Amino acid sequence: MEAWLVSEGALTQSQADLAAREATRLSLSFSEVVQRLGLVTSDQLALYRSVRGQLSTARDFIATGSGDQSHLSLRRLVLSDALRERLPLDLCQSTVSIPIAERNNALWVACANPFDLPTLKRLEGAAGQAVEALPASETDIRLAINRNYRAHQDLYDAVAAIIKMDEAELEEQGSDDAPMIRLAEQILLHAATREASDVHLHAEERFFRIRLRVDGVLEEGLLLPSAIRSALTARFKILAGMDTAEDRLPQDGRIHFPIGSEEVDIRVSSLPCSNGESIVMRLLDQSRLKLDLATLGFSEAQQTQLTEVLNQPYGVFLITGPTGSGKTTTLYTLLGMIDAEERSVFTLEDPIEYRMPLIRQTQVKDDIGLSFSAGLRTLLRQDPDVILVGETRDQVTAELMVRAALTGHLVFSTLHTNDALSAVPRLTDLGVPPYLLAGSLLGLSAQRLARRLCPICRESFEMSATEWNALAGQESPLLTETAVTLHRPAGCEACAHKGYSGRVSIAEIVEVDKAVRGWIEHGKSVGTMQEQLRASGVPFMRDDGLAKALAGLTSVEEIARVVQLESEEVLDDA
């Protein structure tokens, strides 16, 4: 295993040597040590267990099992009634396996341990036919089991137990009572199986509403009796380590929610509102963090640009965009591409969303004086090579960040602006002199997240060249003289009839070369710089979004939702 993981690039040789020494010292297996240290994921170990890659993983099987239908993961698997009846729930749970397809008179089953012969014999006996076992991670399998066999039923049973109570019983319910404990667990499990990024709980006058944000869009969830608001809110606050007696001030906390052999880290925020506290929980699944630019949706040209930034010895690279646009995920992805054994990497974050091996991460705490600026001053005395500043909020932080870059450090940070070049006037407004800014900037990026079309049910259609060119704009490199083939959502079981499954990055990257530095020093406006860059062929977010629509990754309507297009009248007529 050690040699294979090194050859595949999952581990460096020094990491493998370290893990081997620790495995011997602790009397543990090599696989246990590398997973506990966070050096490899359960998916990578599952791939190794597939006879060194000679078999596809279950996720790969599903992704390639229907022609060119890609990007459909095990977590999106929706079983038919016929498949669900082949293996009972208790057997799937005890063997950590789930049926995924039937081919060539054999039942294909995803297993956490596909080479356990006694388990395979049990599965064959229950199915009454030959079984082909494919490896998958335990977490993925348990989520798929919960979603396909019991998720809805268990959640609805928990809700039904609450609804059956009369008003007096509801008011007597406490946060530690069994119905509240079960309901809170089922809400979190349901959110994880739906791959929700956020759970919203907010009280209204007559009921308690629960909603999920899936693929960036809020969807209706549950309506519960308002009488349980206090008990359910208190239950989540207990899980998050928050003060249940304090409901007048905002609070923050974290929940570590186990799913299979792994945990989902949940960031919890409470806010006092007119009808009671609003609770918003952000699900941060460490195992789902994909440290790969291609997976995030960046084009080959953009990947090359970002890789070149990482190879620079010093300078500032800024990622801009609104909240929820994927800035943090992109930053973590870039940090994951840095060899943290050869370079000293520090971060200042508020909050720390994902824990990364070999990277020293610091939580900003303004209430005790540990601000971004104070933390950055200290980091500069810690011999860093690479610094991540979670957000540039004030003049002191901005100036320190620029001066750190000028003194030989590679600095990454984020700003809240609508496009990449707007970061320039934003920083000058914060008090950074244009000449220092021009001398320190390596590049600017802006991004949004658009929903991916479901590869199973997407429908193709043609748009005329006139309509397409109206959307793209006169300066676009995507202008055409012929009709173009696009895709739109339809809806099927695999995507829960939404037409979309997952999200893809829509980005623009501006390299700060000699010309751009001159514009910054002379205080040229954002509009002027954009015009000159567009004339030189630099693609912007609109162009990147439409290119991804042409590739069938998303729809034009979705691009229009997240990026301003030239003519949205075309969409209204379509």
Protein backbone atom coordinates (compact mmCIF):
# COMPACT_ATOMS: atom_id res chain seq x y z
CA MET A 1 0.00 0.00 0.00
CA GLU A 2 2.78 2.41 0.97
CA ALA A 3 4.52 2.20 -2.41
CA TRP A 4 1.25 2.46 -4.33
CA LEU A 5 0.08 5.59 -2.48
CA VAL A 6 3.45 7.22 -3.13
CA SER A 7 3.41 6.25 -6.82
CA GLU A 8 -0.11 7.68 -7.19
CA GLY A 9 0.93 10.97 -5.63
CA ALA A 10 -1.37 10.58 -2.63
CA LEU A 11 1.64 10.64 -0.29
CA THR A 12 5.16 11.98 -0.50
CA GLN A 13 7.94 9.56 0.38
CA SER A 14 8.71 11.44 3.60
CA GLN A 15 5.03 11.28 4.63
CA ALA A 16 4.97 7.55 3.94
CA ASP A 17 8.15 7.02 5.99
CA LEU A 18 6.69 9.01 8.87
CA ALA A 19 3.44 7.04 8.79
CA ALA A 20 5.31 3.73 8.67
CA ARG A 21 7.34 4.67 11.78
CA GLU A 22 4.18 5.72 13.63
CA ALA A 23 2.39 2.52 12.61
CA THR A 24 5.23 0.45 14.10
CA ARG A 25 5.41 2.55 17.25
CA LEU A 26 1.64 2.48 17.89
CA SER A 27 1.08 -1.12 16.72
CA LEU A 28 -1.46 0.02 14.15
CA SER A 29 -1.86 -0.72 10.47
CA PHE A 30 -0.36 1.65 7.91
CA SER A 31 -3.82 2.46 6.53
CA GLU A 32 -5.14 3.38 9.97
CA VAL A 33 -2.26 5.76 10.62
CA VAL A 34 -2.40 7.63 7.30
CA GLN A 35 -6.16 8.08 7.65
CA ARG A 36 -5.94 9.25 11.28
CA LEU A 37 -3.23 11.74 10.33
CA GLY A 38 -5.43 13.06 7.52
CA LEU A 39 -2.83 12.24 4.87
CA VAL A 40 -5.24 10.24 2.69
CA THR A 41 -9.01 9.97 2.42
CA SER A 42 -11.21 6.94 2.76
CA ASP A 43 -11.89 7.18 -0.98
CA GLN A 44 -8.16 6.83 -1.74
CA LEU A 45 -7.94 3.79 0.51
CA ALA A 46 -11.02 2.33 -1.16
CA LEU A 47 -9.31 2.75 -4.51
CA TYR A 48 -6.25 0.88 -3.22
CA ARG A 49 -8.44 -1.93 -1.97
CA SER A 50 -9.83 -2.29 -5.50
CA VAL A 51 -6.76 -4.46 -6.28
CA ARG A 52 -4.54 -1.46 -6.93
CA GLY A 53 -7.03 0.15 -9.25
CA GLN A 54 -7.69 -2.86 -11.47
CA LEU A 55 -11.35 -2.57 -10.50
CA SER A 56 -13.26 0.64 -10.63
CA THR A 57 -14.62 2.02 -7.40
CA ALA A 58 -18.38 1.97 -7.01
CA ARG A 59 -18.48 5.69 -7.61
CA ASP A 60 -16.54 5.27 -10.86
CA PHE A 61 -18.80 2.41 -11.90
CA ILE A 62 -21.90 4.53 -11.50
CA ALA A 63 -20.24 7.44 -13.24
CA THR A 64 -19.25 5.43 -16.31
CA GLY A 65 -21.96 2.82 -16.31
CA SER A 66 -24.26 4.72 -18.67
CA GLY A 67 -22.17 5.96 -21.58
CA ASP A 68 -20.90 9.47 -21.11
CA GLN A 69 -23.05 10.24 -18.07
CA SER A 70 -20.40 11.60 -15.75
CA HIS A 71 -20.37 13.34 -12.37
CA LEU A 72 -23.01 11.06 -10.83
CA SER A 73 -21.61 9.91 -7.49
CA LEU A 74 -22.71 7.23 -5.07
CA ARG A 75 -24.15 9.94 -2.88
CA ARG A 76 -26.57 10.77 -5.70
CA LEU A 77 -27.64 7.14 -6.12
CA VAL A 78 -31.40 6.59 -6.08
CA LEU A 79 -32.42 2.91 -6.02
CA SER A 80 -35.43 1.54 -7.84
CA ASP A 81 -37.95 -0.49 -5.82
CA ALA A 82 -36.71 -3.66 -7.53
CA LEU A 83 -33.09 -3.10 -6.48
CA ARG A 84 -34.07 -2.08 -2.95
CA GLU A 85 -35.95 -5.39 -2.56
CA ARG A 86 -32.92 -7.49 -3.53
CA LEU A 87 -31.08 -6.82 -0.26
CA PRO A 88 -32.85 -6.03 3.06
CA LEU A 89 -31.97 -2.98 5.15
CA ASP A 90 -30.55 -4.90 8.13
CA LEU A 91 -28.19 -6.87 5.87
CA CYS A 92 -26.98 -3.71 4.10
CA GLN A 93 -26.29 -2.08 7.46
CA SER A 94 -24.48 -5.05 8.99
CA THR A 95 -22.30 -5.69 5.92
CA VAL A 96 -21.88 -1.99 4.98
CA SER A 97 -23.01 -2.61 1.42
CA ILE A 98 -25.71 -1.46 -0.99
CA PRO A 99 -26.93 -2.75 -4.37
CA ILE A 100 -26.20 -0.33 -7.22
CA ALA A 101 -27.07 -2.12 -10.46
CA GLU A 102 -27.93 -5.44 -12.09
CA ARG A 103 -25.81 -6.52 -15.07
CA ASN A 104 -25.03 -9.75 -16.88
CA ASN A 105 -27.16 -11.81 -14.48
CA ALA A 106 -25.19 -10.50 -11.51
CA LEU A 107 -26.04 -8.02 -8.76
CA TRP A 108 -23.45 -5.24 -8.50
CA VAL A 109 -22.96 -4.21 -4.88
CA ALA A 110 -20.88 -1.39 -3.38
CA CYS A 111 -19.01 -2.68 -0.32
CA ALA A 112 -16.70 -1.18 2.24
CA ASN A 113 -14.70 -4.43 2.18
CA PRO A 114 -15.28 -6.11 -1.19
CA PHE A 115 -12.81 -8.94 -0.55
CA ASP A 116 -14.43 -10.30 2.62
CA LEU A 117 -15.57 -13.74 1.41
CA PRO A 118 -18.06 -14.46 4.26
CA THR A 119 -19.78 -11.13 3.54
CA LEU A 120 -19.99 -11.90 -0.18
CA LYS A 121 -21.52 -15.32 0.58
CA ARG A 122 -24.20 -13.66 2.77
CA LEU A 123 -25.00 -11.17 0.01
CA GLU A 124 -25.23 -13.89 -2.64
CA GLY A 125 -27.50 -15.96 -0.43
CA ALA A 126 -29.84 -13.02 0.20
CA ALA A 127 -29.88 -11.92 -3.45
CA GLY A 128 -30.26 -15.44 -4.83
CA GLN A 129 -27.71 -14.73 -7.57
CA ALA A 130 -24.07 -13.99 -8.20
CA VAL A 131 -22.72 -10.78 -6.63
CA GLU A 132 -20.04 -8.50 -8.08
CA ALA A 133 -18.55 -6.42 -5.27
CA LEU A 134 -17.10 -2.95 -5.90
CA PRO A 135 -15.21 -0.92 -3.28
CA ALA A 136 -16.57 2.34 -1.87
CA SER A 137 -16.01 4.35 1.28
CA GLU A 138 -18.01 3.45 4.38
CA THR A 139 -19.33 7.00 4.68
CA ASP A 140 -20.70 7.04 1.14
CA ILE A 141 -22.36 3.66 1.59
CA ARG A 142 -24.01 4.53 4.90
CA LEU A 143 -25.32 7.79 3.48
CA ALA A 144 -26.69 5.95 0.44
CA ILE A 145 -28.33 3.34 2.70
CA ASN A 146 -29.92 5.99 4.84
CA ARG A 147 -31.20 7.94 1.84
CA ASN A 148 -32.57 4.93 -0.06
CA TYR A 149 -33.85 2.74 2.75
CA ARG A 150 -34.72 4.77 5.82
CA ALA A 151 -33.91 8.48 5.73
CA HIS A 152 -37.34 9.78 4.97
CA GLN A 153 -39.11 7.21 7.09
CA ASP A 154 -36.95 7.84 10.16
CA LEU A 155 -37.27 11.60 9.80
CA TYR A 156 -41.01 11.42 9.32
CA ASP A 157 -41.33 9.04 12.27
CA ALA A 158 -39.45 11.55 14.42
CA VAL A 159 -41.69 14.38 13.18
CA ALA A 160 -44.83 12.25 13.65
CA ALA A 161 -43.89 11.56 17.27
CA ILE A 162 -43.77 15.34 17.84
CA ILE A 163 -47.00 16.13 15.99
CA LYS A 164 -48.96 13.46 17.91
CA MET A 165 -48.26 15.25 21.20
CA ASP A 166 -50.80 17.72 22.50
CA GLU A 167 -49.84 21.29 23.33
CA ALA A 168 -49.24 20.55 27.01
CA GLU A 169 -46.88 17.66 26.19
CA LEU A 170 -45.00 19.77 23.65
CA GLU A 171 -44.43 22.59 26.14
CA GLU A 172 -43.09 20.08 28.68
CA GLN A 173 -40.51 18.70 26.23
CA GLY A 174 -36.93 19.48 27.17
CA SER A 175 -33.75 19.46 25.12
CA ASP A 176 -32.63 16.16 26.67
CA ASP A 177 -35.88 14.30 26.09
CA ALA A 178 -35.75 11.38 23.68
CA PRO A 179 -38.07 12.86 21.00
CA MET A 180 -35.95 16.04 20.79
CA ILE A 181 -32.69 14.09 20.64
CA ARG A 182 -34.02 11.86 17.88
CA LEU A 183 -35.51 14.75 15.89
CA ALA A 184 -32.26 16.77 16.01
CA GLU A 185 -30.20 13.77 14.88
CA GLN A 186 -32.58 12.99 12.03
CA ILE A 187 -32.55 16.60 10.81
CA LEU A 188 -28.74 16.56 10.65
CA LEU A 189 -28.65 13.14 9.01
CA HIS A 190 -31.29 14.17 6.47
CA ALA A 191 -29.26 17.30 5.62
CA ALA A 192 -26.09 15.24 5.15
CA THR A 193 -27.79 12.70 2.88
CA ARG A 194 -29.28 15.52 0.78
CA GLU A 195 -25.75 16.99 0.51
CA ALA A 196 -27.07 20.28 1.88
CA SER A 197 -24.56 23.05 2.56
CA ASP A 198 -26.74 24.78 5.17
CA VAL A 199 -29.70 24.07 7.46
CA HIS A 200 -31.95 27.01 8.38
CA LEU A 201 -34.18 26.87 11.47
CA HIS A 202 -36.30 29.92 12.12
CA ALA A 203 -39.40 30.51 14.19
CA GLU A 204 -42.52 32.11 12.80
CA GLU A 205 -45.62 33.14 14.67
CA ARG A 206 -47.56 29.92 14.09
CA PHE A 207 -44.88 27.30 13.34
CA PHE A 208 -41.19 26.42 13.33
CA ARG A 209 -39.72 26.23 9.82
CA ILE A 210 -36.73 24.12 8.72
CA ARG A 211 -35.17 24.62 5.28
CA LEU A 212 -32.14 23.19 3.47
CA ARG A 213 -29.78 24.88 1.01
CA VAL A 214 -28.94 22.34 -1.68
CA ASP A 215 -26.70 23.30 -4.60
CA GLY A 216 -26.91 26.93 -3.55
CA VAL A 217 -30.73 27.15 -3.55
CA LEU A 218 -32.97 27.08 -0.46
CA GLU A 219 -35.70 24.48 -0.59
CA GLU A 220 -38.69 23.94 1.67
CA GLY A 221 -38.15 21.35 4.36
CA LEU A 222 -40.31 20.80 7.45
CA LEU A 223 -42.98 22.75 9.27
CA LEU A 224 -43.10 21.90 12.98
CA PRO A 225 -45.29 23.10 15.87
CA SER A 226 -44.02 26.38 17.30
CA ALA A 227 -44.24 24.91 20.82
CA ILE A 228 -41.06 22.83 20.23
CA ARG A 229 -38.98 25.84 19.20
CA SER A 230 -37.29 26.35 22.56
CA ALA A 231 -36.52 22.66 23.15
CA LEU A 232 -35.21 21.98 19.63
CA THR A 233 -33.15 25.18 19.56
CA ALA A 234 -31.68 24.31 22.96
CA ARG A 235 -30.84 20.80 21.70
CA PHE A 236 -28.78 22.15 18.82
CA LYS A 237 -27.11 24.68 21.12
CA ILE A 238 -26.13 21.89 23.53
CA LEU A 239 -24.63 19.88 20.66
CA ALA A 240 -22.71 22.97 19.54
CA GLY A 241 -21.37 23.79 23.01
CA MET A 242 -23.31 27.07 23.21
CA ASP A 243 -24.98 28.72 26.22
CA THR A 244 -28.59 27.57 26.25
CA ALA A 245 -29.58 30.25 28.78
CA GLU A 246 -28.43 33.10 26.52
CA ASP A 247 -30.97 34.01 23.86
CA ARG A 248 -30.40 37.78 23.70
CA LEU A 249 -26.99 37.75 22.01
CA PRO A 250 -25.65 35.99 18.88
CA GLN A 251 -23.54 32.88 19.49
CA ASP A 252 -21.31 30.57 17.47
CA GLY A 253 -20.49 26.93 18.01
CA ARG A 254 -19.54 23.67 16.27
CA ILE A 255 -21.01 20.18 16.12
CA HIS A 256 -19.03 17.06 15.21
CA PHE A 257 -21.64 14.71 13.75
CA PRO A 258 -20.53 11.11 13.10
CA ILE A 259 -21.53 9.35 9.88
CA GLY A 260 -20.03 5.91 9.54
CA SER A 261 -16.32 6.05 10.32
CA GLU A 262 -16.05 9.77 9.56
CA GLU A 263 -17.44 13.04 10.89
CA VAL A 264 -19.22 16.00 9.39
CA ASP A 265 -18.09 19.24 11.00
CA ILE A 266 -21.05 21.61 11.44
CA ARG A 267 -20.65 25.34 12.13
CA VAL A 268 -23.61 26.72 14.10
CA SER A 269 -24.73 30.35 14.34
CA SER A 270 -27.60 31.72 16.43
CA LEU A 271 -29.22 35.14 16.00
CA PRO A 272 -32.03 36.64 18.14
CA CYS A 273 -35.10 37.49 16.03
CA SER A 274 -38.61 38.76 16.73
CA ASN A 275 -40.21 35.30 17.08
CA GLY A 276 -37.24 33.58 18.68
CA GLU A 277 -33.69 32.60 17.77
CA SER A 278 -32.72 31.86 14.19
CA ILE A 279 -30.29 28.93 13.88
CA VAL A 280 -28.20 28.42 10.74
CA MET A 281 -25.90 25.40 10.49
CA ARG A 282 -23.20 25.11 7.81
CA LEU A 283 -22.18 21.51 7.00
CA LEU A 284 -18.43 21.17 6.41
CA ASP A 285 -17.78 17.61 5.31
CA GLN A 286 -14.01 17.16 5.47
CA SER A 287 -14.14 13.97 3.43
CA ARG A 288 -15.91 15.79 0.59
CA LEU A 289 -13.33 18.55 0.26
CA LYS A 290 -11.94 18.00 -3.24
CA LEU A 291 -8.45 19.38 -3.48
CA ASP A 292 -8.51 19.46 -7.26
CA LEU A 293 -9.03 22.51 -9.48
CA ALA A 294 -10.56 20.44 -12.29
CA THR A 295 -13.15 19.01 -9.89
CA LEU A 296 -14.13 22.53 -8.86
CA GLY A 297 -14.80 23.38 -12.52
CA PHE A 298 -11.80 25.52 -13.48
CA SER A 299 -10.82 25.34 -17.15
CA GLU A 300 -7.40 24.09 -18.24
CA ALA A 301 -6.26 27.64 -18.93
CA GLN A 302 -7.40 28.77 -15.48
CA GLN A 303 -5.69 25.79 -13.86
CA THR A 304 -2.44 26.79 -15.57
CA GLN A 305 -2.81 30.38 -14.34
CA LEU A 306 -3.42 29.30 -10.75
CA THR A 307 -0.58 26.80 -10.81
CA GLU A 308 1.79 29.54 -11.99
CA VAL A 309 0.71 31.67 -9.01
CA LEU A 310 1.62 28.85 -6.63
CA ASN A 311 5.09 28.67 -8.13
CA GLN A 312 5.81 32.31 -7.38
CA PRO A 313 8.10 33.01 -4.39
CA TYR A 314 6.23 36.13 -3.22
CA GLY A 315 3.28 38.39 -4.01
CA VAL A 316 -0.45 38.74 -3.26
CA PHE A 317 -3.22 36.75 -4.92
CA LEU A 318 -6.80 37.81 -4.16
CA ILE A 319 -10.05 35.90 -4.70
CA THR A 320 -13.20 38.01 -4.75
CA GLY A 321 -16.89 37.28 -4.74
CA PRO A 322 -19.96 37.36 -2.49
CA THR A 323 -20.57 35.06 0.46
CA GLY A 324 -21.21 31.49 -0.70
CA SER A 325 -19.34 31.81 -4.00
CA GLY A 326 -16.74 29.15 -3.17
CA LYS A 327 -13.82 31.45 -2.32
CA THR A 328 -12.77 29.46 0.76
CA THR A 329 -12.95 26.13 -1.06
CA THR A 330 -10.74 27.47 -3.84
CA LEU A 331 -8.23 28.77 -1.30
CA TYR A 332 -8.10 25.41 0.49
CA THR A 333 -7.63 23.73 -2.86
CA LEU A 334 -4.67 25.98 -3.67
CA LEU A 335 -3.14 25.37 -0.24
CA GLY A 336 -3.54 21.63 -0.76
CA MET A 337 -1.42 21.91 -3.91
CA ILE A 338 1.50 23.46 -2.02
CA ASP A 339 4.21 21.14 -0.73
CA ALA A 340 3.80 21.99 2.95
CA GLU A 341 6.87 19.93 3.83
CA GLU A 342 9.18 22.22 1.90
CA ARG A 343 7.32 25.46 2.54
CA SER A 344 6.07 26.86 5.84
CA VAL A 345 2.33 27.54 5.50
CA PHE A 346 0.23 29.53 7.98
CA THR A 347 -3.41 30.63 7.90
CA LEU A 348 -5.54 33.20 9.72
CA GLU A 349 -9.21 32.28 9.46
CA ASP A 350 -12.56 33.31 10.87
CA PRO A 351 -13.65 30.59 11.33
CA ILE A 352 -11.42 27.62 10.49
CA GLU A 353 -13.65 25.59 8.19
CA TYR A 354 -11.46 22.61 7.28
CA ARG A 355 -8.47 21.19 9.11
CA MET A 356 -5.51 20.50 6.85
CA PRO A 357 -2.40 18.43 7.65
CA LEU A 358 0.99 20.16 7.94
CA ILE A 359 -0.60 23.61 7.78
CA ARG A 360 -0.69 25.76 10.91
CA GLN A 361 -4.15 27.28 11.16
CA THR A 362 -5.12 30.07 13.57
CA GLN A 363 -8.66 31.06 14.56
CA VAL A 364 -9.21 34.82 14.69
CA LYS A 365 -10.80 35.95 17.98
CA ASP A 366 -11.61 39.65 17.94
CA ASP A 367 -13.06 39.59 21.46
CA ILE A 368 -9.63 38.85 22.97
CA GLY A 369 -7.66 41.05 20.59
CA LEU A 370 -6.57 38.37 18.10
CA SER A 371 -7.70 40.19 14.95
CA PHE A 372 -6.50 39.58 11.40
CA SER A 373 -4.04 42.46 11.72
CA ALA A 374 -2.71 41.36 15.13
CA GLY A 375 -2.43 37.76 13.98
CA LEU A 376 -0.67 38.77 10.77
CA ARG A 377 1.95 40.76 12.71
CA THR A 378 2.72 37.66 14.76
CA LEU A 379 2.75 35.33 11.75
CA LEU A 380 5.48 37.39 10.15
CA ARG A 381 7.70 36.41 13.11
CA GLN A 382 6.91 32.71 12.62
CA ASP A 383 9.13 32.29 9.54
CA PRO A 384 6.30 31.74 7.02
CA ASP A 385 6.68 31.11 3.29
CA VAL A 386 2.97 31.12 2.46
CA ILE A 387 0.24 33.00 4.35
CA LEU A 388 -3.52 32.75 3.98
CA VAL A 389 -5.49 35.68 5.39
CA GLY A 390 -9.12 34.59 5.44
CA GLU A 391 -10.49 38.06 4.67
CA THR A 392 -9.05 41.54 4.18
CA ARG A 393 -11.36 43.76 6.23
CA ASP A 394 -9.46 46.87 7.29
CA GLN A 395 -6.59 49.20 6.43
CA VAL A 396 -4.07 47.67 8.83
CA THR A 397 -4.63 44.14 7.52
CA ALA A 398 -4.43 45.31 3.90
CA GLU A 399 -1.18 47.20 4.45
CA LEU A 400 0.44 44.35 6.41
CA MET A 401 -0.60 41.86 3.71
CA VAL A 402 0.98 44.00 0.97
CA ARG A 403 4.17 44.58 2.97
CA ALA A 404 4.41 40.85 3.71
CA ALA A 405 4.35 40.18 -0.02
CA LEU A 406 7.02 42.81 -0.64
CA THR A 407 9.27 41.18 1.97
CA GLY A 408 9.30 37.77 0.28
CA HIS A 409 6.06 36.01 1.27
CA LEU A 410 3.33 34.47 -0.88
CA VAL A 411 -0.01 35.78 0.43
CA PHE A 412 -3.57 34.67 -0.36
CA SER A 413 -6.69 36.48 0.76
CA THR A 414 -10.33 37.27 -0.11
CA LEU A 415 -12.36 40.39 -0.69
CA HIS A 416 -16.07 41.01 -1.14
CA THR A 417 -16.28 42.63 -4.59
CA ASN A 418 -18.41 41.84 -7.64
CA ASP A 419 -15.52 41.28 -10.05
CA ALA A 420 -11.77 40.79 -10.00
CA LEU A 421 -10.60 44.28 -10.98
CA SER A 422 -12.87 45.97 -8.41
CA ALA A 423 -10.42 44.68 -5.79
CA VAL A 424 -8.01 47.45 -6.87
CA PRO A 425 -10.15 50.47 -5.86
CA ARG A 426 -11.34 48.53 -2.81
CA LEU A 427 -7.76 48.19 -1.54
CA THR A 428 -6.86 51.78 -2.38
CA ASP A 429 -9.97 52.88 -0.47
CA LEU A 430 -8.59 50.93 2.49
CA GLY A 431 -5.47 53.07 2.32
CA VAL A 432 -2.99 50.96 0.32
CA PRO A 433 -0.91 53.26 -1.92
CA PRO A 434 -1.30 52.39 -5.63
CA TYR A 435 2.47 52.00 -6.14
CA LEU A 436 2.68 49.40 -3.32
CA LEU A 437 -0.37 47.61 -4.64
CA ALA A 438 1.01 47.47 -8.16
CA GLY A 439 4.32 46.13 -6.91
CA SER A 440 2.82 43.35 -4.78
CA LEU A 441 -0.17 41.96 -6.74
CA LEU A 442 0.32 38.68 -8.63
CA GLY A 443 -3.25 38.21 -9.78
CA LEU A 444 -6.93 38.78 -9.11
CA SER A 445 -9.75 36.30 -9.35
CA ALA A 446 -13.52 36.47 -9.04
CA GLN A 447 -15.91 33.54 -8.97
CA ARG A 448 -19.47 32.34 -8.57
CA LEU A 449 -21.04 28.91 -8.21
CA ALA A 450 -23.56 27.67 -10.76
CA ARG A 451 -25.56 24.47 -10.47
CA ARG A 452 -24.42 21.55 -12.64
CA LEU A 453 -26.96 20.02 -14.96
CA CYS A 454 -27.85 16.46 -14.08
CA PRO A 455 -25.95 14.36 -16.67
CA ILE A 456 -28.73 11.76 -16.68
CA CYS A 457 -31.77 13.84 -17.60
CA ARG A 458 -30.46 17.03 -19.21
CA GLU A 459 -32.17 17.92 -22.49
CA SER A 460 -30.46 19.38 -25.54
CA PHE A 461 -31.83 22.18 -27.73
CA GLU A 462 -30.54 24.63 -30.30
CA MET A 463 -30.17 28.39 -29.95
CA SER A 464 -29.73 30.54 -33.02
CA ALA A 465 -26.49 32.42 -33.62
CA THR A 466 -28.32 35.75 -33.26
CA GLU A 467 -29.70 34.86 -29.82
CA TRP A 468 -26.39 33.43 -28.66
CA ASN A 469 -24.38 36.45 -29.77
CA ALA A 470 -26.87 38.75 -28.02
CA LEU A 471 -26.20 36.89 -24.77
CA ALA A 472 -22.44 36.75 -25.23
CA GLY A 473 -21.94 40.41 -26.14
CA GLN A 474 -20.05 42.04 -28.99
CA GLU A 475 -16.64 41.66 -27.34
CA SER A 476 -16.99 37.97 -26.44
CA PRO A 477 -14.55 35.40 -27.83
CA LEU A 478 -17.54 33.01 -28.10
CA LEU A 479 -19.28 34.73 -31.02
CA THR A 480 -20.52 32.32 -33.70
CA GLU A 481 -22.12 32.34 -37.14
CA THR A 482 -24.01 29.09 -36.65
CA ALA A 483 -26.57 27.80 -34.16
CA VAL A 484 -25.23 26.33 -30.93
CA THR A 485 -26.35 23.22 -29.03
CA LEU A 486 -27.15 23.86 -25.38
CA HIS A 487 -28.75 21.89 -22.55
CA ARG A 488 -31.50 22.59 -20.02
CA PRO A 489 -32.74 20.82 -16.87
CA ALA A 490 -35.43 18.14 -17.01
CA GLY A 491 -35.53 16.21 -13.71
CA CYS A 492 -35.23 12.55 -12.78
CA GLU A 493 -34.81 10.29 -9.75
CA ALA A 494 -31.02 10.71 -9.73
CA CYS A 495 -31.27 14.48 -9.14
CA ALA A 496 -34.43 14.41 -7.00
CA HIS A 497 -36.31 15.89 -9.99
CA LYS A 498 -34.40 19.17 -9.69
CA GLY A 499 -32.59 18.92 -13.02
CA TYR A 500 -29.33 19.88 -11.34
CA SER A 501 -26.76 17.87 -9.38
CA GLY A 502 -23.80 19.59 -7.73
CA ARG A 503 -22.16 22.92 -8.61
CA VAL A 504 -19.38 24.21 -10.85
CA SER A 505 -17.16 27.30 -10.51
CA ILE A 506 -17.62 30.24 -12.88
CA ALA A 507 -14.49 32.35 -12.66
CA GLU A 508 -12.35 35.09 -14.14
CA ILE A 509 -8.62 35.42 -13.48
CA VAL A 510 -6.64 38.58 -14.21
CA GLU A 511 -2.86 38.24 -14.26
CA VAL A 512 -1.18 41.40 -13.02
CA ASP A 513 1.48 41.87 -15.67
CA LYS A 514 3.54 44.95 -16.56
CA ALA A 515 0.62 46.64 -18.36
CA VAL A 516 -1.84 46.08 -15.50
CA ARG A 517 0.70 47.32 -12.97
CA GLY A 518 1.04 50.55 -14.95
CA TRP A 519 -2.74 51.02 -15.01
CA ILE A 520 -2.93 50.50 -11.23
CA GLU A 521 -0.10 52.98 -10.57
CA HIS A 522 -1.78 55.64 -12.75
CA GLY A 523 -5.19 55.11 -11.17
CA LYS A 524 -7.11 53.96 -14.25
CA SER A 525 -10.78 53.16 -13.64
CA VAL A 526 -12.09 49.61 -13.45
CA GLY A 527 -14.18 50.12 -16.59
CA THR A 528 -11.16 51.29 -18.61
CA MET A 529 -9.03 48.35 -17.45
CA GLN A 530 -11.84 45.89 -18.28
CA GLU A 531 -12.22 47.33 -21.79
CA GLN A 532 -8.50 47.08 -22.49
CA LEU A 533 -8.25 43.54 -21.13
CA ARG A 534 -11.33 42.45 -23.09
CA ALA A 535 -9.81 43.94 -26.26
CA SER A 536 -6.69 41.87 -25.65
CA GLY A 537 -8.77 38.68 -25.42
CA VAL A 538 -8.91 38.13 -21.65
CA PRO A 539 -12.09 36.13 -20.81
CA PHE A 540 -14.31 37.32 -17.97
CA MET A 541 -16.86 35.48 -15.82
CA ARG A 542 -19.60 35.87 -18.41
CA ASP A 543 -17.42 34.22 -21.05
CA ASP A 544 -16.40 31.41 -18.69
CA GLY A 545 -20.02 30.76 -17.72
CA LEU A 546 -21.22 30.62 -21.33
CA ALA A 547 -18.30 28.34 -22.24
CA LYS A 548 -19.43 25.93 -19.50
CA ALA A 549 -23.00 26.15 -20.85
CA LEU A 550 -21.66 25.23 -24.32
CA ALA A 551 -19.87 22.26 -22.73
CA GLY A 552 -23.15 21.04 -21.24
CA LEU A 553 -22.06 21.52 -17.63
CA THR A 554 -24.80 24.01 -16.78
CA SER A 555 -27.67 25.94 -18.37
CA VAL A 556 -27.77 29.46 -19.76
CA GLU A 557 -30.55 30.26 -17.28
CA GLU A 558 -28.29 29.23 -14.41
CA ILE A 559 -25.46 31.40 -15.73
CA ALA A 560 -27.88 34.34 -15.91
CA ARG A 561 -28.81 33.70 -12.26
CA VAL A 562 -25.24 34.11 -11.02
CA VAL A 563 -23.58 36.30 -13.69
CA GLN A 564 -24.88 39.40 -15.49
CA LEU A 565 -25.40 38.63 -19.19
CA GLU A 566 -25.65 41.13 -22.03
CA SER A 567 -29.27 40.40 -22.95
CA GLU A 568 -31.59 38.47 -20.67
CA GLU A 569 -34.57 39.21 -22.99
CA VAL A 570 -33.43 36.22 -25.05
CA LEU A 571 -33.98 33.98 -22.03
CA ASP A 572 -37.45 35.37 -21.47
CA ASP A 573 -38.38 34.53 -25.04
CA ALA A 574 -36.82 31.06 -24.96
